[in-house]
Amino acid sequence: MGAPVVHFEIMGGQGNQLEKFYAELFGWKINSNNPMKYGVVDTGGGPGGINGGVGASQDGNKRVSVYAQVDDLEAMLDKVEKLGGKTILPPTEVPAALGWPCSPIRQAMLRGCFWESGLAKR
């Protein structure tokens, strides 16, 4: 089974610097009216496109993260380790208020991120 890309993040810069840049460059609609000031991106891509997020980096580093949907997060993390990768952030509940496609969802930072289909198991 494949693992479709369902979300992206572009983090870096200061304040809403990236929001302004990508809104002007691609015409993306970006809404950061939330407690974390996270820019939720509507790319306008329709059914074939994906949406994402942009924002300032909390640690000053720049990064791009790609989120892929998987059926079994724990099995995927085991596979990552087997292939020589490393989980740098354990699975974490993500607040529904941030506008994620499934909430609450569990995410794990790898060189990208993966989440389970549907709701997280407790």
PDB file of N, CA and C in Angstrom:
ATOM      1  N   MET A   1       0.837  -1.187   0.000  1.00  0.00           N
ATOM      2  CA  MET A   1       0.000   0.000   0.000  1.00  0.00           C
ATOM      3  C   MET A   1       0.878   1.246   0.000  1.00  0.00           C
ATOM      4  N   GLY A   2       0.457   2.261  -0.710  1.00  0.00           N
ATOM      5  CA  GLY A   2       1.175   3.519  -0.729  1.00  0.00           C
ATOM      6  C   GLY A   2       0.889   4.346   0.509  1.00  0.00           C
ATOM      7  N   ALA A   3       1.570   5.452   0.624  1.00  0.00           N
ATOM      8  CA  ALA A   3       1.380   6.383   1.734  1.00  0.00           C
ATOM      9  C   ALA A   3       1.231   7.781   1.133  1.00  0.00           C
ATOM     10  N   PRO A   4      -0.010   8.191   0.847  1.00  0.00           N
ATOM     11  CA  PRO A   4      -0.207   9.474   0.176  1.00  0.00           C
ATOM     12  C   PRO A   4       0.235  10.659   1.025  1.00  0.00           C
ATOM     13  N   VAL A   5       0.834  11.629   0.379  1.00  0.00           N
ATOM     14  CA  VAL A   5       1.189  12.880   1.052  1.00  0.00           C
ATOM     15  C   VAL A   5      -0.106  13.649   1.280  1.00  0.00           C
ATOM     16  N   VAL A   6      -0.344  14.058   2.527  1.00  0.00           N
ATOM     17  CA  VAL A   6      -1.604  14.712   2.863  1.00  0.00           C
ATOM     18  C   VAL A   6      -1.428  16.103   3.476  1.00  0.00           C
ATOM     19  N   HIS A   7      -0.200  16.504   3.750  1.00  0.00           N
ATOM     20  CA  HIS A   7       0.029  17.806   4.378  1.00  0.00           C
ATOM     21  C   HIS A   7       1.509  18.142   4.250  1.00  0.00           C
ATOM     22  N   PHE A   8       1.833  19.425   4.257  1.00  0.00           N
ATOM     23  CA  PHE A   8       3.226  19.861   4.262  1.00  0.00           C
ATOM     24  C   PHE A   8       3.367  21.017   5.240  1.00  0.00           C
ATOM     25  N   GLU A   9       4.591  21.266   5.682  1.00  0.00           N
ATOM     26  CA  GLU A   9       4.897  22.438   6.502  1.00  0.00           C
ATOM     27  C   GLU A   9       6.175  23.074   6.006  1.00  0.00           C
ATOM     28  N   ILE A  10       6.167  24.394   5.951  1.00  0.00           N
ATOM     29  CA  ILE A  10       7.362  25.168   5.634  1.00  0.00           C
ATOM     30  C   ILE A  10       7.552  26.113   6.814  1.00  0.00           C
ATOM     31  N   MET A  11       8.622  25.910   7.560  1.00  0.00           N
ATOM     32  CA  MET A  11       8.853  26.696   8.771  1.00  0.00           C
ATOM     33  C   MET A  11      10.177  27.444   8.666  1.00  0.00           C
ATOM     34  N   GLY A  12      10.187  28.681   9.139  1.00  0.00           N
ATOM     35  CA  GLY A  12      11.395  29.497   9.119  1.00  0.00           C
ATOM     36  C   GLY A  12      11.020  30.966   9.132  1.00  0.00           C
ATOM     37  N   GLY A  13      12.002  31.803   9.027  1.00  0.00           N
ATOM     38  CA  GLY A  13      11.741  33.233   9.020  1.00  0.00           C
ATOM     39  C   GLY A  13      11.227  33.726  10.360  1.00  0.00           C
ATOM     40  N   GLN A  14      10.701  34.934  10.340  1.00  0.00           N
ATOM     41  CA  GLN A  14      10.190  35.554  11.559  1.00  0.00           C
ATOM     42  C   GLN A  14       8.771  36.057  11.321  1.00  0.00           C
ATOM     43  N   GLY A  15       7.966  36.004  12.380  1.00  0.00           N
ATOM     44  CA  GLY A  15       6.597  36.509  12.289  1.00  0.00           C
ATOM     45  C   GLY A  15       5.857  35.876  11.126  1.00  0.00           C
ATOM     46  N   ASN A  16       5.177  36.705  10.348  1.00  0.00           N
ATOM     47  CA  ASN A  16       4.407  36.179   9.220  1.00  0.00           C
ATOM     48  C   ASN A  16       5.146  36.356   7.881  1.00  0.00           C
ATOM     49  N   GLN A  17       6.461  36.395   7.947  1.00  0.00           N
ATOM     50  CA  GLN A  17       7.293  36.575   6.761  1.00  0.00           C
ATOM     51  C   GLN A  17       6.987  35.529   5.683  1.00  0.00           C
ATOM     52  N   LEU A  18       6.916  34.263   6.051  1.00  0.00           N
ATOM     53  CA  LEU A  18       6.637  33.217   5.064  1.00  0.00           C
ATOM     54  C   LEU A  18       5.213  33.290   4.543  1.00  0.00           C
ATOM     55  N   GLU A  19       4.276  33.660   5.405  1.00  0.00           N
ATOM     56  CA  GLU A  19       2.890  33.806   4.953  1.00  0.00           C
ATOM     57  C   GLU A  19       2.814  34.812   3.820  1.00  0.00           C
ATOM     58  N   LYS A  20       3.410  35.965   4.021  1.00  0.00           N
ATOM     59  CA  LYS A  20       3.382  37.015   2.995  1.00  0.00           C
ATOM     60  C   LYS A  20       4.042  36.536   1.702  1.00  0.00           C
ATOM     61  N   PHE A  21       5.203  35.877   1.841  1.00  0.00           N
ATOM     62  CA  PHE A  21       5.950  35.424   0.675  1.00  0.00           C
ATOM     63  C   PHE A  21       5.134  34.437  -0.162  1.00  0.00           C
ATOM     64  N   TYR A  22       4.626  33.364   0.472  1.00  0.00           N
ATOM     65  CA  TYR A  22       3.915  32.326  -0.284  1.00  0.00           C
ATOM     66  C   TYR A  22       2.531  32.782  -0.749  1.00  0.00           C
ATOM     67  N   ALA A  23       1.895  33.648  -0.005  1.00  0.00           N
ATOM     68  CA  ALA A  23       0.608  34.192  -0.458  1.00  0.00           C
ATOM     69  C   ALA A  23       0.811  35.002  -1.742  1.00  0.00           C
ATOM     70  N   GLU A  24       1.870  35.800  -1.769  1.00  0.00           N
ATOM     71  CA  GLU A  24       2.132  36.607  -2.961  1.00  0.00           C
ATOM     72  C   GLU A  24       2.667  35.757  -4.106  1.00  0.00           C
ATOM     73  N   LEU A  25       3.542  34.808  -3.796  1.00  0.00           N
ATOM     74  CA  LEU A  25       4.149  33.985  -4.834  1.00  0.00           C
ATOM     75  C   LEU A  25       3.132  33.080  -5.527  1.00  0.00           C
ATOM     76  N   PHE A  26       2.345  32.326  -4.743  1.00  0.00           N
ATOM     77  CA  PHE A  26       1.444  31.324  -5.309  1.00  0.00           C
ATOM     78  C   PHE A  26      -0.033  31.679  -5.205  1.00  0.00           C
ATOM     79  N   GLY A  27      -0.366  32.766  -4.519  1.00  0.00           N
ATOM     80  CA  GLY A  27      -1.769  33.104  -4.322  1.00  0.00           C
ATOM     81  C   GLY A  27      -2.452  32.234  -3.278  1.00  0.00           C
ATOM     82  N   TRP A  28      -1.653  31.580  -2.403  1.00  0.00           N
ATOM     83  CA  TRP A  28      -2.221  30.746  -1.355  1.00  0.00           C
ATOM     84  C   TRP A  28      -2.989  31.600  -0.361  1.00  0.00           C
ATOM     85  N   LYS A  29      -4.099  31.067   0.137  1.00  0.00           N
ATOM     86  CA  LYS A  29      -4.835  31.707   1.228  1.00  0.00           C
ATOM     87  C   LYS A  29      -4.281  31.128   2.531  1.00  0.00           C
ATOM     88  N   ILE A  30      -3.790  31.993   3.418  1.00  0.00           N
ATOM     89  CA  ILE A  30      -3.137  31.541   4.644  1.00  0.00           C
ATOM     90  C   ILE A  30      -3.799  32.206   5.837  1.00  0.00           C
ATOM     91  N   ASN A  31      -4.262  31.392   6.767  1.00  0.00           N
ATOM     92  CA  ASN A  31      -4.953  31.888   7.952  1.00  0.00           C
ATOM     93  C   ASN A  31      -4.163  31.509   9.205  1.00  0.00           C
ATOM     94  N   SER A  32      -3.629  32.498   9.884  1.00  0.00           N
ATOM     95  CA  SER A  32      -2.885  32.243  11.125  1.00  0.00           C
ATOM     96  C   SER A  32      -3.631  32.786  12.338  1.00  0.00           C
ATOM     97  N   ASN A  33      -4.941  32.922  12.210  1.00  0.00           N
ATOM     98  CA  ASN A  33      -5.767  33.406  13.319  1.00  0.00           C
ATOM     99  C   ASN A  33      -6.072  32.235  14.261  1.00  0.00           C
ATOM    100  N   ASN A  34      -5.057  31.804  15.000  1.00  0.00           N
ATOM    101  CA  ASN A  34      -5.173  30.730  15.981  1.00  0.00           C
ATOM    102  C   ASN A  34      -4.159  30.999  17.091  1.00  0.00           C
ATOM    103  N   PRO A  35      -4.300  30.364  18.235  1.00  0.00           N
ATOM    104  CA  PRO A  35      -3.425  30.663  19.370  1.00  0.00           C
ATOM    105  C   PRO A  35      -1.934  30.490  19.101  1.00  0.00           C
ATOM    106  N   MET A  36      -1.576  29.574  18.192  1.00  0.00           N
ATOM    107  CA  MET A  36      -0.158  29.341  17.921  1.00  0.00           C
ATOM    108  C   MET A  36       0.366  30.197  16.765  1.00  0.00           C
ATOM    109  N   LYS A  37      -0.506  30.979  16.143  1.00  0.00           N
ATOM    110  CA  LYS A  37      -0.132  31.794  14.977  1.00  0.00           C
ATOM    111  C   LYS A  37       0.439  30.939  13.846  1.00  0.00           C
ATOM    112  N   TYR A  38      -0.070  29.704  13.750  1.00  0.00           N
ATOM    113  CA  TYR A  38       0.347  28.762  12.714  1.00  0.00           C
ATOM    114  C   TYR A  38      -0.441  29.077  11.449  1.00  0.00           C
ATOM    115  N   GLY A  39       0.236  29.308  10.347  1.00  0.00           N
ATOM    116  CA  GLY A  39      -0.420  29.660   9.097  1.00  0.00           C
ATOM    117  C   GLY A  39      -0.979  28.445   8.383  1.00  0.00           C
ATOM    118  N   VAL A  40      -2.289  28.234   8.478  1.00  0.00           N
ATOM    119  CA  VAL A  40      -2.960  27.130   7.795  1.00  0.00           C
ATOM    120  C   VAL A  40      -3.142  27.537   6.334  1.00  0.00           C
ATOM    121  N   VAL A  41      -2.586  26.731   5.426  1.00  0.00           N
ATOM    122  CA  VAL A  41      -2.535  27.073   4.012  1.00  0.00           C
ATOM    123  C   VAL A  41      -3.626  26.360   3.215  1.00  0.00           C
ATOM    124  N   ASP A  42      -4.387  27.142   2.458  1.00  0.00           N
ATOM    125  CA  ASP A  42      -5.294  26.613   1.443  1.00  0.00           C
ATOM    126  C   ASP A  42      -4.627  26.927   0.112  1.00  0.00           C
ATOM    127  N   THR A  43      -4.089  25.898  -0.536  1.00  0.00           N
ATOM    128  CA  THR A  43      -3.360  26.116  -1.782  1.00  0.00           C
ATOM    129  C   THR A  43      -4.279  26.360  -2.967  1.00  0.00           C
ATOM    130  N   GLY A  44      -5.577  26.084  -2.801  1.00  0.00           N
ATOM    131  CA  GLY A  44      -6.506  26.237  -3.917  1.00  0.00           C
ATOM    132  C   GLY A  44      -6.342  25.142  -4.945  1.00  0.00           C
ATOM    133  N   GLY A  45      -5.715  24.031  -4.551  1.00  0.00           N
ATOM    134  CA  GLY A  45      -5.413  22.950  -5.476  1.00  0.00           C
ATOM    135  C   GLY A  45      -6.566  22.033  -5.801  1.00  0.00           C
ATOM    136  N   GLY A  46      -7.703  22.196  -5.126  1.00  0.00           N
ATOM    137  CA  GLY A  46      -8.852  21.332  -5.396  1.00  0.00           C
ATOM    138  C   GLY A  46      -8.605  19.901  -4.988  1.00  0.00           C
ATOM    139  N   PRO A  47      -9.367  18.969  -5.573  1.00  0.00           N
ATOM    140  CA  PRO A  47      -9.289  17.567  -5.154  1.00  0.00           C
ATOM    141  C   PRO A  47      -7.914  16.928  -5.354  1.00  0.00           C
ATOM    142  N   GLY A  48      -7.139  17.386  -6.320  1.00  0.00           N
ATOM    143  CA  GLY A  48      -5.832  16.785  -6.579  1.00  0.00           C
ATOM    144  C   GLY A  48      -4.692  17.411  -5.810  1.00  0.00           C
ATOM    145  N   GLY A  49      -4.956  18.508  -5.113  1.00  0.00           N
ATOM    146  CA  GLY A  49      -3.894  19.204  -4.405  1.00  0.00           C
ATOM    147  C   GLY A  49      -3.905  18.914  -2.920  1.00  0.00           C
ATOM    148  N   ILE A  50      -2.869  19.315  -2.242  1.00  0.00           N
ATOM    149  CA  ILE A  50      -2.809  19.186  -0.789  1.00  0.00           C
ATOM    150  C   ILE A  50      -2.620  20.560  -0.177  1.00  0.00           C
ATOM    151  N   ASN A  51      -3.059  20.701   1.045  1.00  0.00           N
ATOM    152  CA  ASN A  51      -2.876  21.937   1.799  1.00  0.00           C
ATOM    153  C   ASN A  51      -1.782  21.720   2.827  1.00  0.00           C
ATOM    154  N   GLY A  52      -1.422  22.774   3.529  1.00  0.00           N
ATOM    155  CA  GLY A  52      -0.337  22.639   4.483  1.00  0.00           C
ATOM    156  C   GLY A  52      -0.300  23.765   5.473  1.00  0.00           C
ATOM    157  N   GLY A  53       0.900  24.074   5.921  1.00  0.00           N
ATOM    158  CA  GLY A  53       1.083  25.127   6.900  1.00  0.00           C
ATOM    159  C   GLY A  53       2.421  25.818   6.713  1.00  0.00           C
ATOM    160  N   VAL A  54       2.466  27.082   7.111  1.00  0.00           N
ATOM    161  CA  VAL A  54       3.707  27.852   7.100  1.00  0.00           C
ATOM    162  C   VAL A  54       3.778  28.640   8.398  1.00  0.00           C
ATOM    163  N   GLY A  55       4.985  28.971   8.793  1.00  0.00           N
ATOM    164  CA  GLY A  55       5.109  29.784   9.985  1.00  0.00           C
ATOM    165  C   GLY A  55       6.542  29.999  10.397  1.00  0.00           C
ATOM    166  N   ALA A  56       6.681  30.825  11.410  1.00  0.00           N
ATOM    167  CA  ALA A  56       7.993  31.097  11.980  1.00  0.00           C
ATOM    168  C   ALA A  56       8.470  29.864  12.731  1.00  0.00           C
ATOM    169  N   SER A  57       9.759  29.665  12.740  1.00  0.00           N
ATOM    170  CA  SER A  57      10.342  28.536  13.451  1.00  0.00           C
ATOM    171  C   SER A  57      10.580  28.919  14.905  1.00  0.00           C
ATOM    172  N   GLN A  58      10.185  28.036  15.817  1.00  0.00           N
ATOM    173  CA  GLN A  58      10.374  28.306  17.242  1.00  0.00           C
ATOM    174  C   GLN A  58      11.838  28.218  17.658  1.00  0.00           C
ATOM    175  N   ASP A  59      12.637  27.408  16.947  1.00  0.00           N
ATOM    176  CA  ASP A  59      14.043  27.229  17.314  1.00  0.00           C
ATOM    177  C   ASP A  59      14.999  27.972  16.389  1.00  0.00           C
ATOM    178  N   GLY A  60      14.458  28.726  15.450  1.00  0.00           N
ATOM    179  CA  GLY A  60      15.304  29.496  14.538  1.00  0.00           C
ATOM    180  C   GLY A  60      15.773  28.712  13.321  1.00  0.00           C
ATOM    181  N   ASN A  61      15.533  27.398  13.296  1.00  0.00           N
ATOM    182  CA  ASN A  61      15.931  26.580  12.148  1.00  0.00           C
ATOM    183  C   ASN A  61      14.860  26.616  11.071  1.00  0.00           C
ATOM    184  N   LYS A  62      15.285  26.425   9.845  1.00  0.00           N
ATOM    185  CA  LYS A  62      14.363  26.346   8.715  1.00  0.00           C
ATOM    186  C   LYS A  62      14.151  24.882   8.393  1.00  0.00           C
ATOM    187  N   ARG A  63      12.903  24.527   8.035  1.00  0.00           N
ATOM    188  CA  ARG A  63      12.654  23.137   7.685  1.00  0.00           C
ATOM    189  C   ARG A  63      11.418  23.020   6.802  1.00  0.00           C
ATOM    190  N   VAL A  64      11.392  21.945   6.063  1.00  0.00           N
ATOM    191  CA  VAL A  64      10.217  21.546   5.307  1.00  0.00           C
ATOM    192  C   VAL A  64       9.882  20.132   5.770  1.00  0.00           C
ATOM    193  N   SER A  65       8.641  19.904   6.163  1.00  0.00           N
ATOM    194  CA  SER A  65       8.189  18.582   6.592  1.00  0.00           C
ATOM    195  C   SER A  65       7.094  18.114   5.651  1.00  0.00           C
ATOM    196  N   VAL A  66       7.116  16.832   5.346  1.00  0.00           N
ATOM    197  CA  VAL A  66       6.112  16.214   4.494  1.00  0.00           C
ATOM    198  C   VAL A  66       5.372  15.190   5.346  1.00  0.00           C
ATOM    199  N   TYR A  67       4.044  15.242   5.322  1.00  0.00           N
ATOM    200  CA  TYR A  67       3.207  14.357   6.130  1.00  0.00           C
ATOM    201  C   TYR A  67       2.555  13.330   5.206  1.00  0.00           C
ATOM    202  N   ALA A  68       2.765  12.061   5.536  1.00  0.00           N
ATOM    203  CA  ALA A  68       2.184  10.973   4.759  1.00  0.00           C
ATOM    204  C   ALA A  68       1.225  10.189   5.640  1.00  0.00           C
ATOM    205  N   GLN A  69       0.124   9.771   5.072  1.00  0.00           N
ATOM    206  CA  GLN A  69      -0.882   9.005   5.815  1.00  0.00           C
ATOM    207  C   GLN A  69      -0.526   7.527   5.767  1.00  0.00           C
ATOM    208  N   VAL A  70      -0.509   6.882   6.930  1.00  0.00           N
ATOM    209  CA  VAL A  70      -0.224   5.452   7.014  1.00  0.00           C
ATOM    210  C   VAL A  70      -1.304   4.779   7.844  1.00  0.00           C
ATOM    211  N   ASP A  71      -1.477   3.486   7.617  1.00  0.00           N
ATOM    212  CA  ASP A  71      -2.501   2.742   8.353  1.00  0.00           C
ATOM    213  C   ASP A  71      -2.072   2.396   9.772  1.00  0.00           C
ATOM    214  N   ASP A  72      -0.787   2.167   9.991  1.00  0.00           N
ATOM    215  CA  ASP A  72      -0.303   1.728  11.293  1.00  0.00           C
ATOM    216  C   ASP A  72       0.963   2.501  11.650  1.00  0.00           C
ATOM    217  N   LEU A  73       0.805   3.516  12.464  1.00  0.00           N
ATOM    218  CA  LEU A  73       1.922   4.394  12.811  1.00  0.00           C
ATOM    219  C   LEU A  73       3.054   3.635  13.497  1.00  0.00           C
ATOM    220  N   GLU A  74       2.736   2.793  14.475  1.00  0.00           N
ATOM    221  CA  GLU A  74       3.779   2.065  15.200  1.00  0.00           C
ATOM    222  C   GLU A  74       4.575   1.171  14.254  1.00  0.00           C
ATOM    223  N   ALA A  75       3.895   0.480  13.340  1.00  0.00           N
ATOM    224  CA  ALA A  75       4.590  -0.373  12.377  1.00  0.00           C
ATOM    225  C   ALA A  75       5.498   0.459  11.469  1.00  0.00           C
ATOM    226  N   MET A  76       5.037   1.650  11.082  1.00  0.00           N
ATOM    227  CA  MET A  76       5.841   2.516  10.230  1.00  0.00           C
ATOM    228  C   MET A  76       7.080   3.010  10.970  1.00  0.00           C
ATOM    229  N   LEU A  77       6.917   3.365  12.242  1.00  0.00           N
ATOM    230  CA  LEU A  77       8.074   3.808  13.023  1.00  0.00           C
ATOM    231  C   LEU A  77       9.083   2.674  13.205  1.00  0.00           C
ATOM    232  N   ASP A  78       8.587   1.450  13.398  1.00  0.00           N
ATOM    233  CA  ASP A  78       9.476   0.290  13.477  1.00  0.00           C
ATOM    234  C   ASP A  78      10.245   0.124  12.170  1.00  0.00           C
ATOM    235  N   LYS A  79       9.572   0.310  11.054  1.00  0.00           N
ATOM    236  CA  LYS A  79      10.209   0.188   9.742  1.00  0.00           C
ATOM    237  C   LYS A  79      11.257   1.276   9.545  1.00  0.00           C
ATOM    238  N   VAL A  80      10.947   2.481   9.991  1.00  0.00           N
ATOM    239  CA  VAL A  80      11.906   3.589   9.900  1.00  0.00           C
ATOM    240  C   VAL A  80      13.199   3.210  10.614  1.00  0.00           C
ATOM    241  N   GLU A  81      13.071   2.702  11.843  1.00  0.00           N
ATOM    242  CA  GLU A  81      14.245   2.309  12.632  1.00  0.00           C
ATOM    243  C   GLU A  81      15.018   1.191  11.922  1.00  0.00           C
ATOM    244  N   LYS A  82      14.295   0.213  11.377  1.00  0.00           N
ATOM    245  CA  LYS A  82      14.925  -0.909  10.680  1.00  0.00           C
ATOM    246  C   LYS A  82      15.730  -0.425   9.474  1.00  0.00           C
ATOM    247  N   LEU A  83      15.236   0.620   8.813  1.00  0.00           N
ATOM    248  CA  LEU A  83      15.907   1.168   7.633  1.00  0.00           C
ATOM    249  C   LEU A  83      16.997   2.176   7.973  1.00  0.00           C
ATOM    250  N   GLY A  84      17.257   2.351   9.273  1.00  0.00           N
ATOM    251  CA  GLY A  84      18.333   3.241   9.686  1.00  0.00           C
ATOM    252  C   GLY A  84      17.897   4.641  10.059  1.00  0.00           C
ATOM    253  N   GLY A  85      16.594   4.910  10.004  1.00  0.00           N
ATOM    254  CA  GLY A  85      16.083   6.219  10.408  1.00  0.00           C
ATOM    255  C   GLY A  85      15.941   6.291  11.914  1.00  0.00           C
ATOM    256  N   LYS A  86      15.528   7.444  12.389  1.00  0.00           N
ATOM    257  CA  LYS A  86      15.391   7.647  13.823  1.00  0.00           C
ATOM    258  C   LYS A  86      14.168   8.513  14.096  1.00  0.00           C
ATOM    259  N   THR A  87      13.370   8.110  15.060  1.00  0.00           N
ATOM    260  CA  THR A  87      12.240   8.919  15.494  1.00  0.00           C
ATOM    261  C   THR A  87      12.788   9.999  16.421  1.00  0.00           C
ATOM    262  N   ILE A  88      12.577  11.263  16.067  1.00  0.00           N
ATOM    263  CA  ILE A  88      13.112  12.348  16.893  1.00  0.00           C
ATOM    264  C   ILE A  88      12.057  12.997  17.769  1.00  0.00           C
ATOM    265  N   LEU A  89      10.791  12.664  17.523  1.00  0.00           N
ATOM    266  CA  LEU A  89       9.692  13.121  18.365  1.00  0.00           C
ATOM    267  C   LEU A  89       8.703  11.976  18.444  1.00  0.00           C
ATOM    268  N   PRO A  90       8.419  11.478  19.649  1.00  0.00           N
ATOM    269  CA  PRO A  90       7.500  10.344  19.748  1.00  0.00           C
ATOM    270  C   PRO A  90       6.097  10.744  19.309  1.00  0.00           C
ATOM    271  N   PRO A  91       5.245   9.738  19.018  1.00  0.00           N
ATOM    272  CA  PRO A  91       3.870  10.056  18.637  1.00  0.00           C
ATOM    273  C   PRO A  91       3.222  10.990  19.652  1.00  0.00           C
ATOM    274  N   THR A  92       2.545  12.011  19.149  1.00  0.00           N
ATOM    275  CA  THR A  92       2.016  13.093  19.973  1.00  0.00           C
ATOM    276  C   THR A  92       0.600  13.434  19.523  1.00  0.00           C
ATOM    277  N   GLU A  93      -0.276  13.706  20.477  1.00  0.00           N
ATOM    278  CA  GLU A  93      -1.619  14.175  20.134  1.00  0.00           C
ATOM    279  C   GLU A  93      -1.504  15.608  19.614  1.00  0.00           C
ATOM    280  N   VAL A  94      -2.203  15.906  18.549  1.00  0.00           N
ATOM    281  CA  VAL A  94      -2.200  17.248  17.969  1.00  0.00           C
ATOM    282  C   VAL A  94      -3.585  17.852  18.175  1.00  0.00           C
ATOM    283  N   PRO A  95      -3.664  19.055  18.737  1.00  0.00           N
ATOM    284  CA  PRO A  95      -4.978  19.664  19.011  1.00  0.00           C
ATOM    285  C   PRO A  95      -5.818  19.873  17.756  1.00  0.00           C
ATOM    286  N   ALA A  96      -7.111  19.596  17.869  1.00  0.00           N
ATOM    287  CA  ALA A  96      -8.036  19.785  16.753  1.00  0.00           C
ATOM    288  C   ALA A  96      -8.076  21.242  16.304  1.00  0.00           C
ATOM    289  N   ALA A  97      -7.814  22.152  17.206  1.00  0.00           N
ATOM    290  CA  ALA A  97      -7.891  23.584  16.896  1.00  0.00           C
ATOM    291  C   ALA A  97      -6.902  24.006  15.819  1.00  0.00           C
ATOM    292  N   LEU A  98      -5.889  23.184  15.567  1.00  0.00           N
ATOM    293  CA  LEU A  98      -4.909  23.562  14.550  1.00  0.00           C
ATOM    294  C   LEU A  98      -5.367  23.235  13.139  1.00  0.00           C
ATOM    295  N   GLY A  99      -6.534  22.615  13.001  1.00  0.00           N
ATOM    296  CA  GLY A  99      -7.091  22.397  11.677  1.00  0.00           C
ATOM    297  C   GLY A  99      -6.527  21.201  10.939  1.00  0.00           C
ATOM    298  N   TRP A 100      -6.031  20.202  11.650  1.00  0.00           N
ATOM    299  CA  TRP A 100      -5.497  19.014  10.996  1.00  0.00           C
ATOM    300  C   TRP A 100      -6.642  18.183  10.434  1.00  0.00           C
ATOM    301  N   PRO A 101      -6.377  17.387   9.396  1.00  0.00           N
ATOM    302  CA  PRO A 101      -7.429  16.603   8.758  1.00  0.00           C
ATOM    303  C   PRO A 101      -8.104  15.582   9.670  1.00  0.00           C
ATOM    304  N   CYS A 102      -7.386  14.972  10.581  1.00  0.00           N
ATOM    305  CA  CYS A 102      -7.950  14.018  11.531  1.00  0.00           C
ATOM    306  C   CYS A 102      -7.591  14.533  12.918  1.00  0.00           C
ATOM    307  N   SER A 103      -8.534  14.575  13.816  1.00  0.00           N
ATOM    308  CA  SER A 103      -8.149  15.066  15.127  1.00  0.00           C
ATOM    309  C   SER A 103      -8.951  14.367  16.204  1.00  0.00           C
ATOM    310  N   PRO A 104      -8.333  14.016  17.322  1.00  0.00           N
ATOM    311  CA  PRO A 104      -6.885  14.178  17.464  1.00  0.00           C
ATOM    312  C   PRO A 104      -6.144  13.145  16.639  1.00  0.00           C
ATOM    313  N   ILE A 105      -4.981  13.493  16.176  1.00  0.00           N
ATOM    314  CA  ILE A 105      -4.149  12.554  15.438  1.00  0.00           C
ATOM    315  C   ILE A 105      -2.830  12.406  16.156  1.00  0.00           C
ATOM    316  N   ARG A 106      -2.136  11.336  15.835  1.00  0.00           N
ATOM    317  CA  ARG A 106      -0.813  11.134  16.409  1.00  0.00           C
ATOM    318  C   ARG A 106       0.191  11.426  15.314  1.00  0.00           C
ATOM    319  N   GLN A 107       1.191  12.175  15.634  1.00  0.00           N
ATOM    320  CA  GLN A 107       2.209  12.439  14.625  1.00  0.00           C
ATOM    321  C   GLN A 107       3.564  12.079  15.192  1.00  0.00           C
ATOM    322  N   ALA A 108       4.479  11.798  14.331  1.00  0.00           N
ATOM    323  CA  ALA A 108       5.842  11.494  14.738  1.00  0.00           C
ATOM    324  C   ALA A 108       6.777  12.145  13.731  1.00  0.00           C
ATOM    325  N   MET A 109       7.705  12.908  14.227  1.00  0.00           N
ATOM    326  CA  MET A 109       8.662  13.548  13.340  1.00  0.00           C
ATOM    327  C   MET A 109       9.720  12.529  12.940  1.00  0.00           C
ATOM    328  N   LEU A 110       9.934  12.421  11.663  1.00  0.00           N
ATOM    329  CA  LEU A 110      11.009  11.594  11.157  1.00  0.00           C
ATOM    330  C   LEU A 110      11.826  12.564  10.310  1.00  0.00           C
ATOM    331  N   ARG A 111      12.044  12.249   9.075  1.00  0.00           N
ATOM    332  CA  ARG A 111      12.522  13.274   8.159  1.00  0.00           C
ATOM    333  C   ARG A 111      11.305  13.898   7.523  1.00  0.00           C
ATOM    334  N   GLY A 112      10.190  13.455   7.898  1.00  0.00           N
ATOM    335  CA  GLY A 112       8.882  13.957   7.551  1.00  0.00           C
ATOM    336  C   GLY A 112       7.995  13.469   8.672  1.00  0.00           C
ATOM    337  N   CYS A 113       6.740  13.399   8.463  1.00  0.00           N
ATOM    338  CA  CYS A 113       5.842  12.959   9.521  1.00  0.00           C
ATOM    339  C   CYS A 113       4.831  11.987   8.950  1.00  0.00           C
ATOM    340  N   PHE A 114       4.360  11.110   9.811  1.00  0.00           N
ATOM    341  CA  PHE A 114       3.367  10.126   9.409  1.00  0.00           C
ATOM    342  C   PHE A 114       2.229  10.175  10.393  1.00  0.00           C
ATOM    343  N   TRP A 115       1.015   9.881   9.961  1.00  0.00           N
ATOM    344  CA  TRP A 115      -0.064   9.718  10.912  1.00  0.00           C
ATOM    345  C   TRP A 115      -0.984   8.598  10.491  1.00  0.00           C
ATOM    346  N   GLU A 116      -1.660   8.068  11.472  1.00  0.00           N
ATOM    347  CA  GLU A 116      -2.572   6.958  11.233  1.00  0.00           C
ATOM    348  C   GLU A 116      -3.843   7.444  10.560  1.00  0.00           C
ATOM    349  N   SER A 117      -4.447   6.562   9.799  1.00  0.00           N
ATOM    350  CA  SER A 117      -5.772   6.862   9.262  1.00  0.00           C
ATOM    351  C   SER A 117      -6.741   6.921  10.422  1.00  0.00           C
ATOM    352  N   GLY A 118      -7.640   7.863  10.418  1.00  0.00           N
ATOM    353  CA  GLY A 118      -8.666   7.954  11.451  1.00  0.00           C
ATOM    354  C   GLY A 118      -8.144   8.525  12.741  1.00  0.00           C
ATOM    355  N   LEU A 119      -8.894   8.283  13.812  1.00  0.00           N
ATOM    356  CA  LEU A 119      -8.569   8.853  15.104  1.00  0.00           C
ATOM    357  C   LEU A 119      -7.495   8.060  15.824  1.00  0.00           C
ATOM    358  N   ALA A 120      -6.770   8.725  16.649  1.00  0.00           N
ATOM    359  CA  ALA A 120      -5.717   8.077  17.421  1.00  0.00           C
ATOM    360  C   ALA A 120      -6.304   7.121  18.443  1.00  0.00           C
ATOM    361  N   LYS A 121      -5.577   6.064  18.697  1.00  0.00           N
ATOM    362  CA  LYS A 121      -5.978   5.116  19.738  1.00  0.00           C
ATOM    363  C   LYS A 121      -5.418   5.603  21.055  1.00  0.00           C
ATOM    364  N   ARG A 122      -6.138   5.414  22.133  1.00  0.00           N
ATOM    365  CA  ARG A 122      -5.656   5.834  23.444  1.00  0.00           C
ATOM    366  C   ARG A 122      -5.126   4.646  24.186  1.00  0.00           C
TER     367      ARG A 122
END
